[in-house]
Amino acid sequence: MTILGFNKTEQVWVFIILSVLSVTVAVNMRVALRKSRDVQRKADIRSISDALLHYQSEFGFFPLSSSDGDILACKGEVGEDGILEFRACKWGWEELRDIFDESYPPYLKRIPSDPSHDAGARYRYISNGSRFQVYASLEGVDEPEYSEKILLRNLNCGDKICNFGLSFGDTPLDKSIEEYENEMRAKEIEILKKKGLYHE
């Protein structure tokens, strides 16, 4: 018996070929979607970094970070002392704008969120006001920006572990800002001691 002019053996081969093609297309589609999400993550982190540099050039400091990695730059309530308290900006929709003047154009049209935020992934921001680090978790370990050193820091990017990031100046991404600044102070003290200019 033949179907569409194919005998039984030909039908089996057509089925095998179509199955292989279907699997190949499905695998390539998954890889393409993963790469697309990682491209978006890298672009978002660059946009956030650029916006933070503009913010710093306006105010002379970077927004502080919350304990869970949010940017503290959105208008909150005015405290009893009359000072504006900043609240965490929401990833995905709020603007990182001039905090004192609502009419000032925003540094970002919106603070981006991880393309997989519905699945629990998110960006992470760390700052002490003079330095910042901003992180994401790339899905592709073959991405050139993927960093094992950042991964070893074990920072949470939502329900993922951060493995990519950007920072201000020479601030390393594989250690905390506090740790780095302590190392820098220790080096400065050593230099001053060698010159005889440091006395405890």
C-alpha atoms as a PDB file:
ATOM      1  CA  MET A   1       0.000   0.000   0.000  1.00  0.00           C
ATOM      2  CA  THR A   2       1.291   3.473  -0.847  1.00  0.00           C
ATOM      3  CA  ILE A   3       0.425   6.857   0.615  1.00  0.00           C
ATOM      4  CA  LEU A   4       0.970   9.919  -1.590  1.00  0.00           C
ATOM      5  CA  GLY A   5       2.951   7.737  -3.961  1.00  0.00           C
ATOM      6  CA  PHE A   6       5.416   6.496  -1.263  1.00  0.00           C
ATOM      7  CA  ASN A   7       5.814   2.838  -0.454  1.00  0.00           C
ATOM      8  CA  LYS A   8       6.182   1.663   3.166  1.00  0.00           C
ATOM      9  CA  THR A   9      10.018   1.962   3.229  1.00  0.00           C
ATOM     10  CA  GLU A  10       9.937   5.443   1.708  1.00  0.00           C
ATOM     11  CA  GLN A  11       7.291   6.514   4.238  1.00  0.00           C
ATOM     12  CA  VAL A  12       9.571   5.429   7.111  1.00  0.00           C
ATOM     13  CA  TRP A  13      12.482   7.431   5.660  1.00  0.00           C
ATOM     14  CA  VAL A  14      10.299  10.511   5.128  1.00  0.00           C
ATOM     15  CA  PHE A  15       9.123  10.229   8.747  1.00  0.00           C
ATOM     16  CA  ILE A  16      12.729   9.916  10.013  1.00  0.00           C
ATOM     17  CA  ILE A  17      13.908  12.896   7.930  1.00  0.00           C
ATOM     18  CA  LEU A  18      11.000  15.088   9.075  1.00  0.00           C
ATOM     19  CA  SER A  19      11.583  14.074  12.713  1.00  0.00           C
ATOM     20  CA  VAL A  20      15.289  14.985  12.503  1.00  0.00           C
ATOM     21  CA  LEU A  21      14.450  18.312  10.858  1.00  0.00           C
ATOM     22  CA  SER A  22      11.834  19.078  13.528  1.00  0.00           C
ATOM     23  CA  VAL A  23      14.250  18.333  16.377  1.00  0.00           C
ATOM     24  CA  THR A  24      17.006  20.393  14.717  1.00  0.00           C
ATOM     25  CA  VAL A  25      14.678  23.370  14.208  1.00  0.00           C
ATOM     26  CA  ALA A  26      13.419  23.138  17.816  1.00  0.00           C
ATOM     27  CA  VAL A  27      16.965  23.021  19.241  1.00  0.00           C
ATOM     28  CA  ASN A  28      18.144  25.928  17.045  1.00  0.00           C
ATOM     29  CA  MET A  29      15.069  27.936  18.031  1.00  0.00           C
ATOM     30  CA  ARG A  30      15.786  27.422  21.751  1.00  0.00           C
ATOM     31  CA  VAL A  31      19.429  28.472  21.282  1.00  0.00           C
ATOM     32  CA  ALA A  32      18.377  31.553  19.269  1.00  0.00           C
ATOM     33  CA  LEU A  33      15.857  32.597  21.946  1.00  0.00           C
ATOM     34  CA  ARG A  34      18.436  32.109  24.714  1.00  0.00           C
ATOM     35  CA  LYS A  35      20.999  34.185  22.810  1.00  0.00           C
ATOM     36  CA  SER A  36      18.381  36.879  22.207  1.00  0.00           C
ATOM     37  CA  ARG A  37      17.616  37.110  25.947  1.00  0.00           C
ATOM     38  CA  ASP A  38      21.336  37.359  26.755  1.00  0.00           C
ATOM     39  CA  VAL A  39      21.804  40.122  24.158  1.00  0.00           C
ATOM     40  CA  GLN A  40      18.941  41.998  25.835  1.00  0.00           C
ATOM     41  CA  ARG A  41      20.495  41.523  29.293  1.00  0.00           C
ATOM     42  CA  LYS A  42      23.853  42.920  28.151  1.00  0.00           C
ATOM     43  CA  ALA A  43      22.159  45.906  26.477  1.00  0.00           C
ATOM     44  CA  ASP A  44      20.059  46.585  29.595  1.00  0.00           C
ATOM     45  CA  ILE A  45      23.079  46.511  31.924  1.00  0.00           C
ATOM     46  CA  ARG A  46      24.934  48.939  29.611  1.00  0.00           C
ATOM     47  CA  SER A  47      21.893  51.261  29.547  1.00  0.00           C
ATOM     48  CA  ILE A  48      21.630  51.191  33.337  1.00  0.00           C
ATOM     49  CA  SER A  49      25.371  51.855  33.671  1.00  0.00           C
ATOM     50  CA  ASP A  50      25.186  54.826  31.252  1.00  0.00           C
ATOM     51  CA  ALA A  51      22.170  56.243  33.107  1.00  0.00           C
ATOM     52  CA  LEU A  52      23.989  55.932  36.439  1.00  0.00           C
ATOM     53  CA  LEU A  53      26.988  57.828  35.028  1.00  0.00           C
ATOM     54  CA  HIS A  54      24.649  60.639  33.864  1.00  0.00           C
ATOM     55  CA  TYR A  55      23.036  60.676  37.298  1.00  0.00           C
ATOM     56  CA  GLN A  56      26.442  60.925  38.978  1.00  0.00           C
ATOM     57  CA  SER A  57      27.508  63.789  36.707  1.00  0.00           C
ATOM     58  CA  GLU A  58      24.362  65.710  37.782  1.00  0.00           C
ATOM     59  CA  PHE A  59      24.452  65.020  41.530  1.00  0.00           C
ATOM     60  CA  GLY A  60      28.054  64.033  42.283  1.00  0.00           C
ATOM     61  CA  PHE A  61      27.123  60.600  43.638  1.00  0.00           C
ATOM     62  CA  PHE A  62      25.431  57.390  42.548  1.00  0.00           C
ATOM     63  CA  PRO A  63      22.057  56.331  43.937  1.00  0.00           C
ATOM     64  CA  LEU A  64      22.418  54.004  46.911  1.00  0.00           C
ATOM     65  CA  SER A  65      21.216  50.419  46.717  1.00  0.00           C
ATOM     66  CA  SER A  66      18.709  48.549  48.841  1.00  0.00           C
ATOM     67  CA  SER A  67      19.724  45.363  50.632  1.00  0.00           C
ATOM     68  CA  ASP A  68      18.038  43.251  47.958  1.00  0.00           C
ATOM     69  CA  GLY A  69      19.694  44.984  44.986  1.00  0.00           C
ATOM     70  CA  ASP A  70      17.287  47.740  43.953  1.00  0.00           C
ATOM     71  CA  ILE A  71      18.211  51.298  42.943  1.00  0.00           C
ATOM     72  CA  LEU A  72      17.181  53.817  45.631  1.00  0.00           C
ATOM     73  CA  ALA A  73      16.493  56.778  43.356  1.00  0.00           C
ATOM     74  CA  CYS A  74      12.729  57.099  43.056  1.00  0.00           C
ATOM     75  CA  LYS A  75      10.797  59.687  45.011  1.00  0.00           C
ATOM     76  CA  GLY A  76       9.458  58.473  48.301  1.00  0.00           C
ATOM     77  CA  GLU A  77       7.914  60.328  51.198  1.00  0.00           C
ATOM     78  CA  VAL A  78       9.241  63.451  52.887  1.00  0.00           C
ATOM     79  CA  GLY A  79      10.305  62.471  56.398  1.00  0.00           C
ATOM     80  CA  GLU A  80       9.429  64.262  59.626  1.00  0.00           C
ATOM     81  CA  ASP A  81      12.743  66.113  59.351  1.00  0.00           C
ATOM     82  CA  GLY A  82      11.642  67.516  55.966  1.00  0.00           C
ATOM     83  CA  ILE A  83      14.172  65.440  54.028  1.00  0.00           C
ATOM     84  CA  LEU A  84      13.053  63.463  50.982  1.00  0.00           C
ATOM     85  CA  GLU A  85      13.491  59.734  51.500  1.00  0.00           C
ATOM     86  CA  PHE A  86      14.218  57.712  48.415  1.00  0.00           C
ATOM     87  CA  ARG A  87      12.452  54.460  47.707  1.00  0.00           C
ATOM     88  CA  ALA A  88      13.509  51.515  45.580  1.00  0.00           C
ATOM     89  CA  CYS A  89      12.699  51.934  41.898  1.00  0.00           C
ATOM     90  CA  LYS A  90      10.769  49.020  40.458  1.00  0.00           C
ATOM     91  CA  TRP A  91      12.611  47.052  37.779  1.00  0.00           C
ATOM     92  CA  GLY A  92      10.730  47.100  34.510  1.00  0.00           C
ATOM     93  CA  TRP A  93       8.728  50.284  34.537  1.00  0.00           C
ATOM     94  CA  GLU A  94       9.903  53.199  36.716  1.00  0.00           C
ATOM     95  CA  GLU A  95      12.099  56.011  35.478  1.00  0.00           C
ATOM     96  CA  LEU A  96      15.505  56.804  36.949  1.00  0.00           C
ATOM     97  CA  ARG A  97      15.018  60.558  36.727  1.00  0.00           C
ATOM     98  CA  ASP A  98      16.016  63.760  38.412  1.00  0.00           C
ATOM     99  CA  ILE A  99      14.728  63.137  41.903  1.00  0.00           C
ATOM    100  CA  PHE A 100      14.169  66.811  42.672  1.00  0.00           C
ATOM    101  CA  ASP A 101      12.306  67.960  39.578  1.00  0.00           C
ATOM    102  CA  GLU A 102       9.593  65.860  37.951  1.00  0.00           C
ATOM    103  CA  SER A 103       9.834  67.924  34.745  1.00  0.00           C
ATOM    104  CA  TYR A 104      13.463  66.958  34.151  1.00  0.00           C
ATOM    105  CA  PRO A 105      13.902  64.364  31.375  1.00  0.00           C
ATOM    106  CA  PRO A 106      14.558  60.842  32.639  1.00  0.00           C
ATOM    107  CA  TYR A 107      17.975  59.192  32.405  1.00  0.00           C
ATOM    108  CA  LEU A 108      16.175  56.043  31.267  1.00  0.00           C
ATOM    109  CA  LYS A 109      12.697  55.841  29.761  1.00  0.00           C
ATOM    110  CA  ARG A 110      12.245  52.933  32.140  1.00  0.00           C
ATOM    111  CA  ILE A 111      14.466  50.855  34.367  1.00  0.00           C
ATOM    112  CA  PRO A 112      14.657  47.584  32.445  1.00  0.00           C
ATOM    113  CA  SER A 113      13.916  44.199  33.921  1.00  0.00           C
ATOM    114  CA  ASP A 114      15.420  40.827  33.075  1.00  0.00           C
ATOM    115  CA  PRO A 115      13.737  39.244  30.010  1.00  0.00           C
ATOM    116  CA  SER A 116      12.943  36.223  32.212  1.00  0.00           C
ATOM    117  CA  HIS A 117      11.596  38.247  35.163  1.00  0.00           C
ATOM    118  CA  ASP A 118       8.315  36.307  35.047  1.00  0.00           C
ATOM    119  CA  ALA A 119      10.385  33.172  35.742  1.00  0.00           C
ATOM    120  CA  GLY A 120      12.159  34.825  38.713  1.00  0.00           C
ATOM    121  CA  ALA A 121      15.320  36.300  37.119  1.00  0.00           C
ATOM    122  CA  ARG A 122      16.241  39.915  37.939  1.00  0.00           C
ATOM    123  CA  TYR A 123      19.077  42.424  37.810  1.00  0.00           C
ATOM    124  CA  ARG A 124      21.060  43.381  40.925  1.00  0.00           C
ATOM    125  CA  TYR A 125      22.476  46.816  41.808  1.00  0.00           C
ATOM    126  CA  ILE A 126      25.040  47.529  44.542  1.00  0.00           C
ATOM    127  CA  SER A 127      26.289  51.017  45.437  1.00  0.00           C
ATOM    128  CA  ASN A 128      27.745  52.971  48.347  1.00  0.00           C
ATOM    129  CA  GLY A 129      27.259  56.315  46.581  1.00  0.00           C
ATOM    130  CA  SER A 130      30.819  56.608  45.261  1.00  0.00           C
ATOM    131  CA  ARG A 131      30.962  53.335  43.301  1.00  0.00           C
ATOM    132  CA  PHE A 132      28.459  50.948  41.764  1.00  0.00           C
ATOM    133  CA  GLN A 133      28.169  47.404  40.457  1.00  0.00           C
ATOM    134  CA  VAL A 134      25.214  46.193  38.388  1.00  0.00           C
ATOM    135  CA  TYR A 135      24.721  42.511  37.608  1.00  0.00           C
ATOM    136  CA  ALA A 136      22.713  40.045  35.537  1.00  0.00           C
ATOM    137  CA  SER A 137      22.663  36.300  35.033  1.00  0.00           C
ATOM    138  CA  LEU A 138      23.427  35.211  31.463  1.00  0.00           C
ATOM    139  CA  GLU A 139      21.987  31.879  30.381  1.00  0.00           C
ATOM    140  CA  GLY A 140      24.797  31.052  27.958  1.00  0.00           C
ATOM    141  CA  VAL A 141      28.036  29.934  29.597  1.00  0.00           C
ATOM    142  CA  ASP A 142      29.616  30.327  26.146  1.00  0.00           C
ATOM    143  CA  GLU A 143      28.951  34.099  26.141  1.00  0.00           C
ATOM    144  CA  PRO A 144      32.267  36.037  26.168  1.00  0.00           C
ATOM    145  CA  GLU A 145      31.027  38.244  29.035  1.00  0.00           C
ATOM    146  CA  TYR A 146      30.096  35.275  31.240  1.00  0.00           C
ATOM    147  CA  SER A 147      32.372  35.395  34.308  1.00  0.00           C
ATOM    148  CA  GLU A 148      33.213  32.481  36.587  1.00  0.00           C
ATOM    149  CA  LYS A 149      34.739  34.965  39.057  1.00  0.00           C
ATOM    150  CA  ILE A 150      31.429  36.799  39.413  1.00  0.00           C
ATOM    151  CA  LEU A 151      29.612  33.466  39.667  1.00  0.00           C
ATOM    152  CA  LEU A 152      31.848  32.478  42.596  1.00  0.00           C
ATOM    153  CA  ARG A 153      30.656  35.576  44.467  1.00  0.00           C
ATOM    154  CA  ASN A 154      27.296  33.814  44.740  1.00  0.00           C
ATOM    155  CA  LEU A 155      25.176  36.966  44.374  1.00  0.00           C
ATOM    156  CA  ASN A 156      21.494  36.407  43.716  1.00  0.00           C
ATOM    157  CA  CYS A 157      20.037  37.808  40.515  1.00  0.00           C
ATOM    158  CA  GLY A 158      16.525  36.787  41.498  1.00  0.00           C
ATOM    159  CA  ASP A 159      16.437  33.005  41.579  1.00  0.00           C
ATOM    160  CA  LYS A 160      19.609  32.835  39.433  1.00  0.00           C
ATOM    161  CA  ILE A 161      23.248  33.484  40.377  1.00  0.00           C
ATOM    162  CA  CYS A 162      24.810  36.606  38.817  1.00  0.00           C
ATOM    163  CA  ASN A 163      27.600  35.927  36.302  1.00  0.00           C
ATOM    164  CA  PHE A 164      27.894  39.180  34.309  1.00  0.00           C
ATOM    165  CA  GLY A 165      28.114  42.828  35.256  1.00  0.00           C
ATOM    166  CA  LEU A 166      29.459  46.334  34.802  1.00  0.00           C
ATOM    167  CA  SER A 167      30.869  48.707  37.399  1.00  0.00           C
ATOM    168  CA  PHE A 168      32.144  52.232  37.874  1.00  0.00           C
ATOM    169  CA  GLY A 169      35.760  52.840  36.905  1.00  0.00           C
ATOM    170  CA  ASP A 170      38.197  50.245  38.191  1.00  0.00           C
ATOM    171  CA  THR A 171      35.736  48.735  40.693  1.00  0.00           C
ATOM    172  CA  PRO A 172      36.088  44.953  40.337  1.00  0.00           C
ATOM    173  CA  LEU A 173      32.994  42.805  39.893  1.00  0.00           C
ATOM    174  CA  ASP A 174      34.326  39.748  41.708  1.00  0.00           C
ATOM    175  CA  LYS A 175      34.495  41.355  45.170  1.00  0.00           C
ATOM    176  CA  SER A 176      32.401  43.715  47.259  1.00  0.00           C
ATOM    177  CA  ILE A 177      32.856  47.479  47.015  1.00  0.00           C
ATOM    178  CA  GLU A 178      33.722  47.571  50.735  1.00  0.00           C
ATOM    179  CA  GLU A 179      36.384  44.868  50.302  1.00  0.00           C
ATOM    180  CA  TYR A 180      37.898  46.699  47.329  1.00  0.00           C
ATOM    181  CA  GLU A 181      37.966  50.075  49.120  1.00  0.00           C
ATOM    182  CA  ASN A 182      39.594  48.466  52.185  1.00  0.00           C
ATOM    183  CA  GLU A 183      42.290  46.990  49.926  1.00  0.00           C
ATOM    184  CA  MET A 184      42.854  50.404  48.322  1.00  0.00           C
ATOM    185  CA  ARG A 185      43.168  52.077  51.748  1.00  0.00           C
ATOM    186  CA  ALA A 186      45.648  49.426  52.899  1.00  0.00           C
ATOM    187  CA  LYS A 187      47.780  50.047  49.786  1.00  0.00           C
ATOM    188  CA  GLU A 188      47.692  53.812  50.353  1.00  0.00           C
ATOM    189  CA  ILE A 189      48.761  53.352  53.974  1.00  0.00           C
ATOM    190  CA  GLU A 190      51.648  51.104  52.871  1.00  0.00           C
ATOM    191  CA  ILE A 191      52.829  53.750  50.396  1.00  0.00           C
ATOM    192  CA  LEU A 192      52.616  56.484  53.062  1.00  0.00           C
ATOM    193  CA  LYS A 193      54.509  54.294  55.549  1.00  0.00           C
ATOM    194  CA  LYS A 194      57.293  53.715  53.017  1.00  0.00           C
ATOM    195  CA  LYS A 195      57.542  57.479  52.549  1.00  0.00           C
ATOM    196  CA  GLY A 196      57.488  58.048  56.305  1.00  0.00           C
ATOM    197  CA  LEU A 197      54.293  60.070  56.060  1.00  0.00           C
ATOM    198  CA  TYR A 198      51.988  57.764  58.016  1.00  0.00           C
ATOM    199  CA  HIS A 199      51.938  57.623  61.799  1.00  0.00           C
ATOM    200  CA  GLU A 200      49.446  55.480  63.735  1.00  0.00           C
END
